[in-house]
Amino acid sequence: MRDRLIHRLLVLSFVAMSALSAIGGVLARPSRPQPVIDAAHILPDSVIEVWNDGLKRVQDSTGVQIVVVTVNNLSSMTVEDYAQELFHTWGIGDKATNKGVLILVKPKTGDSESGRGRIRIHTGYGMEGDLPDAMCQSFINELAIPSFKKNDYVTGIGRVLNMVVRVATGEYTYKDFKKYEAERREAIRAQALTQELKDNYNDGLYGGICIFWPFILGLWYFVIKRRSSDGLCNFDTTEPPSTVRVGDSDSGSDSSSYDSSDSGSDDYDYGGGDSGGGGASGSW
């Protein structure tokens, strides 16, 4: 009787652990790895093909492995935990250098909390200095989410990829990012001061306007116009060579499965890299 009870308890424990594992599990490592794994089916095949080819060439030339993964759900996990588990389980980036970057996207499926869209840029140990959290956050806020809100996942992901590739190739550095942030803050201050002078003008302070208005116009032109024309200080970037191409978005199907035989060849693999949890997240 006692042995039967112990056996039942063991069976129940196994079932419970299996259920928890199913709830908290991440997307299985594909048998034929590729840089782009579109399990949510939100990217056209033509775009996936171009991105796969471009990102393989980026890895060959820089040693940085950039992987894009889309999923329909996060298995009751936070986007941060899901990304960390997937990064670790798949082994993104070379084991010796840990120069891996994961761009994880869960498309929006509704207005509830569970249906909100999520994005995570997750960095390997070896990329934390080149791609710090603040830079990742700006890429998400200024490049990805505005397009995602229009249901344009190709453009949003593509623009983020363009910038991550520029970081990988050394074309865009943290120094450039800090310069951009400083100019952005100056632009915000200039706009605030302009608005204050306009308000004062409406209150009858004509003398102050006559004195300061030319200065404000000059500052506005130098900061805002220069920032919009400087390729390293705004995020409306041109396409880097040998990398990704942004096309028209395609919502595709809503299946959570992914057939790893759909695209790509067998000459690509993840390298056993790992991450300490660096990066940034966003939602819409």
C-alpha atoms as a PDB file:
ATOM      1  CA  MET A   1       0.000   0.000   0.000  1.00  0.00           C
ATOM      2  CA  ARG A   2       2.782   2.363   0.971  1.00  0.00           C
ATOM      3  CA  ASP A   3       4.770   1.533  -2.165  1.00  0.00           C
ATOM      4  CA  ARG A   4       1.695   2.183  -4.300  1.00  0.00           C
ATOM      5  CA  LEU A   5       1.202   5.575  -2.647  1.00  0.00           C
ATOM      6  CA  ILE A   6       4.839   6.512  -3.205  1.00  0.00           C
ATOM      7  CA  HIS A   7       4.560   5.437  -6.830  1.00  0.00           C
ATOM      8  CA  ARG A   8       1.466   7.620  -7.336  1.00  0.00           C
ATOM      9  CA  LEU A   9       3.193  10.583  -5.719  1.00  0.00           C
ATOM     10  CA  LEU A  10       6.184  10.149  -7.992  1.00  0.00           C
ATOM     11  CA  VAL A  11       3.934   9.980 -11.036  1.00  0.00           C
ATOM     12  CA  LEU A  12       2.044  13.106  -9.975  1.00  0.00           C
ATOM     13  CA  SER A  13       5.305  14.931  -9.333  1.00  0.00           C
ATOM     14  CA  PHE A  14       6.571  13.988 -12.764  1.00  0.00           C
ATOM     15  CA  VAL A  15       3.348  15.194 -14.404  1.00  0.00           C
ATOM     16  CA  ALA A  16       3.451  18.477 -12.463  1.00  0.00           C
ATOM     17  CA  MET A  17       7.085  19.093 -13.375  1.00  0.00           C
ATOM     18  CA  SER A  18       6.352  18.313 -17.022  1.00  0.00           C
ATOM     19  CA  ALA A  19       3.447  20.778 -17.018  1.00  0.00           C
ATOM     20  CA  LEU A  20       5.575  23.506 -15.456  1.00  0.00           C
ATOM     21  CA  SER A  21       8.297  22.816 -17.974  1.00  0.00           C
ATOM     22  CA  ALA A  22       5.804  23.139 -20.830  1.00  0.00           C
ATOM     23  CA  ILE A  23       4.490  26.411 -19.459  1.00  0.00           C
ATOM     24  CA  GLY A  24       7.906  27.945 -18.894  1.00  0.00           C
ATOM     25  CA  GLY A  25       9.787  26.507 -21.866  1.00  0.00           C
ATOM     26  CA  VAL A  26      11.288  28.565 -24.656  1.00  0.00           C
ATOM     27  CA  LEU A  27      11.246  27.823 -28.367  1.00  0.00           C
ATOM     28  CA  ALA A  28      13.227  24.667 -29.076  1.00  0.00           C
ATOM     29  CA  ARG A  29      16.621  25.076 -30.695  1.00  0.00           C
ATOM     30  CA  PRO A  30      16.076  24.500 -34.432  1.00  0.00           C
ATOM     31  CA  SER A  31      17.691  21.436 -35.946  1.00  0.00           C
ATOM     32  CA  ARG A  32      18.890  23.626 -38.819  1.00  0.00           C
ATOM     33  CA  PRO A  33      19.877  26.937 -37.188  1.00  0.00           C
ATOM     34  CA  GLN A  34      19.631  30.211 -39.100  1.00  0.00           C
ATOM     35  CA  PRO A  35      20.142  33.869 -38.125  1.00  0.00           C
ATOM     36  CA  VAL A  36      16.397  34.537 -38.532  1.00  0.00           C
ATOM     37  CA  ILE A  37      13.880  32.189 -36.892  1.00  0.00           C
ATOM     38  CA  ASP A  38      10.388  33.502 -37.612  1.00  0.00           C
ATOM     39  CA  ALA A  39       8.228  31.235 -35.442  1.00  0.00           C
ATOM     40  CA  ALA A  40       5.468  33.896 -35.336  1.00  0.00           C
ATOM     41  CA  HIS A  41       5.361  34.076 -39.147  1.00  0.00           C
ATOM     42  CA  ILE A  42       5.393  37.871 -39.344  1.00  0.00           C
ATOM     43  CA  LEU A  43       8.179  38.180 -41.934  1.00  0.00           C
ATOM     44  CA  PRO A  44       7.968  37.451 -45.668  1.00  0.00           C
ATOM     45  CA  ASP A  45      10.148  34.597 -46.916  1.00  0.00           C
ATOM     46  CA  SER A  46      11.951  36.947 -49.294  1.00  0.00           C
ATOM     47  CA  VAL A  47      13.012  39.190 -46.410  1.00  0.00           C
ATOM     48  CA  ILE A  48      14.114  36.234 -44.279  1.00  0.00           C
ATOM     49  CA  GLU A  49      16.289  34.988 -47.121  1.00  0.00           C
ATOM     50  CA  VAL A  50      18.001  38.359 -47.560  1.00  0.00           C
ATOM     51  CA  TRP A  51      18.498  38.844 -43.824  1.00  0.00           C
ATOM     52  CA  ASN A  52      19.872  35.327 -43.359  1.00  0.00           C
ATOM     53  CA  ASP A  53      22.412  35.874 -46.095  1.00  0.00           C
ATOM     54  CA  GLY A  54      23.394  39.329 -44.848  1.00  0.00           C
ATOM     55  CA  LEU A  55      23.752  38.343 -41.200  1.00  0.00           C
ATOM     56  CA  LYS A  56      25.892  35.337 -42.090  1.00  0.00           C
ATOM     57  CA  ARG A  57      28.244  37.653 -43.950  1.00  0.00           C
ATOM     58  CA  VAL A  58      28.290  40.040 -40.999  1.00  0.00           C
ATOM     59  CA  GLN A  59      29.316  37.178 -38.722  1.00  0.00           C
ATOM     60  CA  ASP A  60      32.013  36.048 -41.162  1.00  0.00           C
ATOM     61  CA  SER A  61      33.515  39.543 -41.332  1.00  0.00           C
ATOM     62  CA  THR A  62      33.093  40.709 -37.720  1.00  0.00           C
ATOM     63  CA  GLY A  63      32.719  37.611 -35.547  1.00  0.00           C
ATOM     64  CA  VAL A  64      29.442  39.000 -34.151  1.00  0.00           C
ATOM     65  CA  GLN A  65      26.488  36.603 -34.374  1.00  0.00           C
ATOM     66  CA  ILE A  66      23.175  38.464 -34.636  1.00  0.00           C
ATOM     67  CA  VAL A  67      20.049  36.335 -34.311  1.00  0.00           C
ATOM     68  CA  VAL A  68      16.432  37.428 -34.814  1.00  0.00           C
ATOM     69  CA  VAL A  69      13.691  35.308 -33.238  1.00  0.00           C
ATOM     70  CA  THR A  70       9.935  35.941 -33.364  1.00  0.00           C
ATOM     71  CA  VAL A  71       7.488  34.000 -31.191  1.00  0.00           C
ATOM     72  CA  ASN A  72       3.733  34.083 -30.695  1.00  0.00           C
ATOM     73  CA  ASN A  73       3.923  33.869 -26.897  1.00  0.00           C
ATOM     74  CA  LEU A  74       6.452  34.038 -24.082  1.00  0.00           C
ATOM     75  CA  SER A  75       5.226  30.936 -22.214  1.00  0.00           C
ATOM     76  CA  SER A  76       4.136  32.960 -19.158  1.00  0.00           C
ATOM     77  CA  MET A  77       7.661  34.378 -18.806  1.00  0.00           C
ATOM     78  CA  THR A  78       8.866  37.971 -18.900  1.00  0.00           C
ATOM     79  CA  VAL A  79      10.513  38.960 -22.148  1.00  0.00           C
ATOM     80  CA  GLU A  80      13.794  39.350 -20.243  1.00  0.00           C
ATOM     81  CA  ASP A  81      13.674  35.834 -18.772  1.00  0.00           C
ATOM     82  CA  TYR A  82      12.583  34.322 -22.072  1.00  0.00           C
ATOM     83  CA  ALA A  83      15.418  36.003 -23.946  1.00  0.00           C
ATOM     84  CA  GLN A  84      18.002  34.948 -21.374  1.00  0.00           C
ATOM     85  CA  GLU A  85      16.829  31.335 -21.389  1.00  0.00           C
ATOM     86  CA  LEU A  86      16.705  31.182 -25.181  1.00  0.00           C
ATOM     87  CA  PHE A  87      20.115  32.849 -25.511  1.00  0.00           C
ATOM     88  CA  HIS A  88      21.641  30.361 -23.049  1.00  0.00           C
ATOM     89  CA  THR A  89      19.870  27.284 -24.422  1.00  0.00           C
ATOM     90  CA  TRP A  90      20.690  28.004 -28.044  1.00  0.00           C
ATOM     91  CA  GLY A  91      24.212  29.261 -27.303  1.00  0.00           C
ATOM     92  CA  ILE A  92      24.133  32.423 -29.410  1.00  0.00           C
ATOM     93  CA  GLY A  93      27.538  33.816 -30.260  1.00  0.00           C
ATOM     94  CA  ASP A  94      30.965  32.215 -30.277  1.00  0.00           C
ATOM     95  CA  LYS A  95      31.843  30.409 -27.050  1.00  0.00           C
ATOM     96  CA  ALA A  96      35.278  32.014 -26.872  1.00  0.00           C
ATOM     97  CA  THR A  97      34.198  35.625 -27.440  1.00  0.00           C
ATOM     98  CA  ASN A  98      30.476  35.625 -26.484  1.00  0.00           C
ATOM     99  CA  LYS A  99      29.852  38.213 -29.203  1.00  0.00           C
ATOM    100  CA  GLY A 100      26.195  37.389 -29.699  1.00  0.00           C
ATOM    101  CA  VAL A 101      23.113  39.595 -30.019  1.00  0.00           C
ATOM    102  CA  LEU A 102      19.516  38.351 -29.854  1.00  0.00           C
ATOM    103  CA  ILE A 103      16.609  40.435 -31.144  1.00  0.00           C
ATOM    104  CA  LEU A 104      13.452  38.812 -29.773  1.00  0.00           C
ATOM    105  CA  VAL A 105      10.008  39.966 -30.912  1.00  0.00           C
ATOM    106  CA  LYS A 106       6.552  38.849 -29.790  1.00  0.00           C
ATOM    107  CA  PRO A 107       3.947  40.591 -31.959  1.00  0.00           C
ATOM    108  CA  LYS A 108       0.916  42.273 -30.468  1.00  0.00           C
ATOM    109  CA  THR A 109      -2.171  40.062 -30.393  1.00  0.00           C
ATOM    110  CA  GLY A 110      -4.613  42.142 -28.345  1.00  0.00           C
ATOM    111  CA  ASP A 111      -5.092  44.987 -25.886  1.00  0.00           C
ATOM    112  CA  SER A 112      -4.766  42.896 -22.721  1.00  0.00           C
ATOM    113  CA  GLU A 113      -1.478  42.669 -20.853  1.00  0.00           C
ATOM    114  CA  SER A 114      -0.793  39.184 -22.206  1.00  0.00           C
ATOM    115  CA  GLY A 115      -1.558  40.364 -25.734  1.00  0.00           C
ATOM    116  CA  ARG A 116       0.830  43.308 -25.742  1.00  0.00           C
ATOM    117  CA  GLY A 117       3.747  43.250 -28.131  1.00  0.00           C
ATOM    118  CA  ARG A 118       7.221  42.824 -26.675  1.00  0.00           C
ATOM    119  CA  ILE A 119      10.724  43.329 -27.971  1.00  0.00           C
ATOM    120  CA  ARG A 120      14.049  42.545 -26.369  1.00  0.00           C
ATOM    121  CA  ILE A 121      17.593  43.245 -27.546  1.00  0.00           C
ATOM    122  CA  HIS A 122      19.703  40.795 -25.526  1.00  0.00           C
ATOM    123  CA  THR A 123      23.499  41.006 -25.584  1.00  0.00           C
ATOM    124  CA  GLY A 124      26.188  38.430 -24.950  1.00  0.00           C
ATOM    125  CA  TYR A 125      28.977  39.041 -22.471  1.00  0.00           C
ATOM    126  CA  GLY A 126      31.315  40.124 -25.240  1.00  0.00           C
ATOM    127  CA  MET A 127      28.917  42.741 -26.651  1.00  0.00           C
ATOM    128  CA  GLU A 128      27.993  44.582 -23.469  1.00  0.00           C
ATOM    129  CA  GLY A 129      30.700  47.226 -23.991  1.00  0.00           C
ATOM    130  CA  ASP A 130      29.971  47.784 -27.682  1.00  0.00           C
ATOM    131  CA  LEU A 131      26.176  47.679 -27.326  1.00  0.00           C
ATOM    132  CA  PRO A 132      25.305  48.968 -23.833  1.00  0.00           C
ATOM    133  CA  ASP A 133      21.806  48.933 -22.411  1.00  0.00           C
ATOM    134  CA  ALA A 134      21.130  52.639 -23.048  1.00  0.00           C
ATOM    135  CA  MET A 135      21.949  52.257 -26.743  1.00  0.00           C
ATOM    136  CA  CYS A 136      19.701  49.194 -27.012  1.00  0.00           C
ATOM    137  CA  GLN A 137      16.877  51.126 -25.358  1.00  0.00           C
ATOM    138  CA  SER A 138      17.154  53.979 -27.843  1.00  0.00           C
ATOM    139  CA  PHE A 139      17.119  51.581 -30.781  1.00  0.00           C
ATOM    140  CA  ILE A 140      13.934  50.028 -29.399  1.00  0.00           C
ATOM    141  CA  ASN A 141      12.165  53.285 -28.567  1.00  0.00           C
ATOM    142  CA  GLU A 142      13.117  55.263 -31.668  1.00  0.00           C
ATOM    143  CA  LEU A 143      13.390  52.603 -34.351  1.00  0.00           C
ATOM    144  CA  ALA A 144      11.340  49.535 -33.543  1.00  0.00           C
ATOM    145  CA  ILE A 145       8.249  50.510 -31.598  1.00  0.00           C
ATOM    146  CA  PRO A 146       7.011  53.356 -33.889  1.00  0.00           C
ATOM    147  CA  SER A 147       6.908  50.868 -36.792  1.00  0.00           C
ATOM    148  CA  PHE A 148       5.503  48.057 -34.646  1.00  0.00           C
ATOM    149  CA  LYS A 149       2.592  50.286 -33.659  1.00  0.00           C
ATOM    150  CA  LYS A 150       1.727  50.392 -37.374  1.00  0.00           C
ATOM    151  CA  ASN A 151       1.983  46.589 -37.543  1.00  0.00           C
ATOM    152  CA  ASP A 152       5.104  46.997 -39.687  1.00  0.00           C
ATOM    153  CA  TYR A 153       7.485  44.441 -38.241  1.00  0.00           C
ATOM    154  CA  VAL A 154       9.820  44.286 -41.216  1.00  0.00           C
ATOM    155  CA  THR A 155      10.690  47.973 -41.030  1.00  0.00           C
ATOM    156  CA  GLY A 156      10.998  48.024 -37.233  1.00  0.00           C
ATOM    157  CA  ILE A 157      13.220  44.955 -37.022  1.00  0.00           C
ATOM    158  CA  GLY A 158      15.155  45.975 -40.118  1.00  0.00           C
ATOM    159  CA  ARG A 159      16.056  49.389 -38.733  1.00  0.00           C
ATOM    160  CA  VAL A 160      17.235  47.859 -35.465  1.00  0.00           C
ATOM    161  CA  LEU A 161      19.285  45.331 -37.421  1.00  0.00           C
ATOM    162  CA  ASN A 162      20.870  48.108 -39.454  1.00  0.00           C
ATOM    163  CA  MET A 163      22.086  49.845 -36.311  1.00  0.00           C
ATOM    164  CA  VAL A 164      23.243  46.655 -34.586  1.00  0.00           C
ATOM    165  CA  VAL A 165      25.210  45.781 -37.721  1.00  0.00           C
ATOM    166  CA  ARG A 166      26.765  49.253 -37.728  1.00  0.00           C
ATOM    167  CA  VAL A 167      27.844  48.620 -34.142  1.00  0.00           C
ATOM    168  CA  ALA A 168      29.252  45.212 -35.075  1.00  0.00           C
ATOM    169  CA  THR A 169      31.277  46.684 -37.938  1.00  0.00           C
ATOM    170  CA  GLY A 170      32.516  49.597 -35.825  1.00  0.00           C
ATOM    171  CA  GLU A 171      30.732  52.179 -37.959  1.00  0.00           C
ATOM    172  CA  TYR A 172      28.613  53.321 -35.007  1.00  0.00           C
ATOM    173  CA  THR A 173      30.155  53.415 -31.528  1.00  0.00           C
ATOM    174  CA  TYR A 174      29.114  54.302 -28.015  1.00  0.00           C
ATOM    175  CA  LYS A 175      30.930  57.609 -28.470  1.00  0.00           C
ATOM    176  CA  ASP A 176      28.673  58.379 -31.440  1.00  0.00           C
ATOM    177  CA  PHE A 177      25.642  57.431 -29.367  1.00  0.00           C
ATOM    178  CA  LYS A 178      26.654  59.751 -26.511  1.00  0.00           C
ATOM    179  CA  LYS A 179      27.127  62.553 -29.032  1.00  0.00           C
ATOM    180  CA  TYR A 180      23.654  61.890 -30.404  1.00  0.00           C
ATOM    181  CA  GLU A 181      22.142  61.893 -26.915  1.00  0.00           C
ATOM    182  CA  ALA A 182      23.867  65.183 -26.023  1.00  0.00           C
ATOM    183  CA  GLU A 183      22.568  66.838 -29.196  1.00  0.00           C
ATOM    184  CA  ARG A 184      19.104  65.428 -28.596  1.00  0.00           C
ATOM    185  CA  ARG A 185      19.049  66.934 -25.102  1.00  0.00           C
ATOM    186  CA  GLU A 186      20.225  70.281 -26.495  1.00  0.00           C
ATOM    187  CA  ALA A 187      17.447  70.156 -29.081  1.00  0.00           C
ATOM    188  CA  ILE A 188      14.881  69.499 -26.366  1.00  0.00           C
ATOM    189  CA  ARG A 189      16.215  72.425 -24.324  1.00  0.00           C
ATOM    190  CA  ALA A 190      16.181  74.684 -27.382  1.00  0.00           C
ATOM    191  CA  GLN A 191      12.590  73.733 -28.158  1.00  0.00           C
ATOM    192  CA  ALA A 192      11.573  74.347 -24.538  1.00  0.00           C
ATOM    193  CA  LEU A 193      13.262  77.751 -24.534  1.00  0.00           C
ATOM    194  CA  THR A 194      11.628  78.635 -27.846  1.00  0.00           C
ATOM    195  CA  GLN A 195       8.230  77.742 -26.428  1.00  0.00           C
ATOM    196  CA  GLU A 196       8.928  79.814 -23.322  1.00  0.00           C
ATOM    197  CA  LEU A 197       9.817  82.846 -25.438  1.00  0.00           C
ATOM    198  CA  LYS A 198       6.687  82.355 -27.505  1.00  0.00           C
ATOM    199  CA  ASP A 199       4.632  82.295 -24.317  1.00  0.00           C
ATOM    200  CA  ASN A 200       6.384  85.430 -23.095  1.00  0.00           C
ATOM    201  CA  TYR A 201       5.728  87.043 -26.441  1.00  0.00           C
ATOM    202  CA  ASN A 202       2.061  86.366 -26.035  1.00  0.00           C
ATOM    203  CA  ASP A 203       2.282  88.032 -22.633  1.00  0.00           C
ATOM    204  CA  GLY A 204       3.710  91.190 -24.186  1.00  0.00           C
ATOM    205  CA  LEU A 205       7.478  90.816 -23.594  1.00  0.00           C
ATOM    206  CA  TYR A 206       8.440  92.083 -27.043  1.00  0.00           C
ATOM    207  CA  GLY A 207      11.851  93.368 -26.006  1.00  0.00           C
ATOM    208  CA  GLY A 208      13.079  89.952 -24.901  1.00  0.00           C
ATOM    209  CA  ILE A 209      11.837  88.414 -28.111  1.00  0.00           C
ATOM    210  CA  CYS A 210      13.658  90.935 -30.278  1.00  0.00           C
ATOM    211  CA  ILE A 211      16.911  90.300 -28.436  1.00  0.00           C
ATOM    212  CA  PHE A 212      16.825  86.524 -28.142  1.00  0.00           C
ATOM    213  CA  TRP A 213      14.799  85.362 -31.126  1.00  0.00           C
ATOM    214  CA  PRO A 214      17.705  85.382 -33.646  1.00  0.00           C
ATOM    215  CA  PHE A 215      19.809  83.394 -31.162  1.00  0.00           C
ATOM    216  CA  ILE A 216      17.044  80.837 -30.697  1.00  0.00           C
ATOM    217  CA  LEU A 217      16.572  80.436 -34.445  1.00  0.00           C
ATOM    218  CA  GLY A 218      20.308  79.908 -34.880  1.00  0.00           C
ATOM    219  CA  LEU A 219      20.443  77.341 -32.079  1.00  0.00           C
ATOM    220  CA  TRP A 220      17.394  75.541 -33.465  1.00  0.00           C
ATOM    221  CA  TYR A 221      18.973  75.368 -36.912  1.00  0.00           C
ATOM    222  CA  PHE A 222      22.361  74.184 -35.624  1.00  0.00           C
ATOM    223  CA  VAL A 223      21.061  71.503 -33.281  1.00  0.00           C
ATOM    224  CA  ILE A 224      17.906  70.175 -34.892  1.00  0.00           C
ATOM    225  CA  LYS A 225      18.807  70.566 -38.573  1.00  0.00           C
ATOM    226  CA  ARG A 226      22.341  69.282 -38.055  1.00  0.00           C
ATOM    227  CA  ARG A 227      21.084  66.287 -36.138  1.00  0.00           C
ATOM    228  CA  SER A 228      18.629  65.403 -38.886  1.00  0.00           C
ATOM    229  CA  SER A 229      21.369  65.483 -41.542  1.00  0.00           C
ATOM    230  CA  ASP A 230      24.140  63.733 -39.605  1.00  0.00           C
ATOM    231  CA  GLY A 231      24.065  59.997 -40.318  1.00  0.00           C
ATOM    232  CA  LEU A 232      25.662  59.183 -36.968  1.00  0.00           C
ATOM    233  CA  CYS A 233      23.294  61.329 -34.962  1.00  0.00           C
ATOM    234  CA  ASN A 234      19.910  60.184 -36.096  1.00  0.00           C
ATOM    235  CA  PHE A 235      18.316  56.803 -36.623  1.00  0.00           C
ATOM    236  CA  ASP A 236      16.966  57.286 -40.135  1.00  0.00           C
ATOM    237  CA  THR A 237      19.944  55.307 -41.420  1.00  0.00           C
ATOM    238  CA  THR A 238      20.863  54.165 -44.869  1.00  0.00           C
ATOM    239  CA  GLU A 239      21.334  50.496 -45.569  1.00  0.00           C
ATOM    240  CA  PRO A 240      24.845  49.299 -44.609  1.00  0.00           C
ATOM    241  CA  PRO A 241      26.630  47.178 -47.214  1.00  0.00           C
ATOM    242  CA  SER A 242      26.360  43.390 -47.103  1.00  0.00           C
ATOM    243  CA  THR A 243      23.617  43.345 -44.532  1.00  0.00           C
ATOM    244  CA  VAL A 244      19.856  43.632 -44.256  1.00  0.00           C
ATOM    245  CA  ARG A 245      17.195  45.091 -46.514  1.00  0.00           C
ATOM    246  CA  VAL A 246      13.921  46.541 -45.335  1.00  0.00           C
ATOM    247  CA  GLY A 247      10.863  45.640 -47.397  1.00  0.00           C
ATOM    248  CA  ASP A 248       7.103  45.549 -47.009  1.00  0.00           C
ATOM    249  CA  SER A 249       5.700  43.848 -43.941  1.00  0.00           C
ATOM    250  CA  ASP A 250       3.549  40.729 -44.087  1.00  0.00           C
ATOM    251  CA  SER A 251       1.628  39.584 -41.061  1.00  0.00           C
ATOM    252  CA  GLY A 252       1.685  35.936 -42.195  1.00  0.00           C
ATOM    253  CA  SER A 253      -0.012  33.183 -40.249  1.00  0.00           C
ATOM    254  CA  ASP A 254      -0.485  32.879 -36.527  1.00  0.00           C
ATOM    255  CA  SER A 255       1.062  29.454 -35.993  1.00  0.00           C
ATOM    256  CA  SER A 256       3.449  29.064 -33.064  1.00  0.00           C
ATOM    257  CA  SER A 257       5.332  26.240 -34.767  1.00  0.00           C
ATOM    258  CA  TYR A 258       8.441  26.673 -36.862  1.00  0.00           C
ATOM    259  CA  ASP A 259       9.734  24.279 -39.482  1.00  0.00           C
ATOM    260  CA  SER A 260      13.496  24.691 -39.469  1.00  0.00           C
ATOM    261  CA  SER A 261      13.697  23.129 -42.910  1.00  0.00           C
ATOM    262  CA  ASP A 262      11.865  26.078 -44.462  1.00  0.00           C
ATOM    263  CA  SER A 263      14.980  28.067 -45.279  1.00  0.00           C
ATOM    264  CA  GLY A 264      18.717  28.172 -45.205  1.00  0.00           C
ATOM    265  CA  SER A 265      21.524  25.667 -45.460  1.00  0.00           C
ATOM    266  CA  ASP A 266      23.419  23.462 -43.033  1.00  0.00           C
ATOM    267  CA  ASP A 267      26.608  25.559 -42.914  1.00  0.00           C
ATOM    268  CA  TYR A 268      25.466  27.768 -40.044  1.00  0.00           C
ATOM    269  CA  ASP A 269      25.260  27.102 -36.323  1.00  0.00           C
ATOM    270  CA  TYR A 270      25.126  28.899 -33.011  1.00  0.00           C
ATOM    271  CA  GLY A 271      28.499  28.903 -31.315  1.00  0.00           C
ATOM    272  CA  GLY A 272      27.813  28.139 -27.659  1.00  0.00           C
ATOM    273  CA  GLY A 273      27.950  31.723 -26.395  1.00  0.00           C
ATOM    274  CA  ASP A 274      26.188  33.042 -23.320  1.00  0.00           C
ATOM    275  CA  SER A 275      24.795  36.236 -21.794  1.00  0.00           C
ATOM    276  CA  GLY A 276      24.703  37.887 -18.422  1.00  0.00           C
ATOM    277  CA  GLY A 277      21.350  39.519 -19.106  1.00  0.00           C
ATOM    278  CA  GLY A 278      22.482  42.754 -20.741  1.00  0.00           C
ATOM    279  CA  GLY A 279      20.239  44.637 -23.125  1.00  0.00           C
ATOM    280  CA  ALA A 280      16.903  46.433 -23.092  1.00  0.00           C
ATOM    281  CA  SER A 281      13.192  45.770 -23.593  1.00  0.00           C
ATOM    282  CA  GLY A 282      10.090  47.514 -24.843  1.00  0.00           C
ATOM    283  CA  SER A 283       6.357  46.951 -25.276  1.00  0.00           C
ATOM    284  CA  TRP A 284       3.458  48.429 -27.253  1.00  0.00           C
END
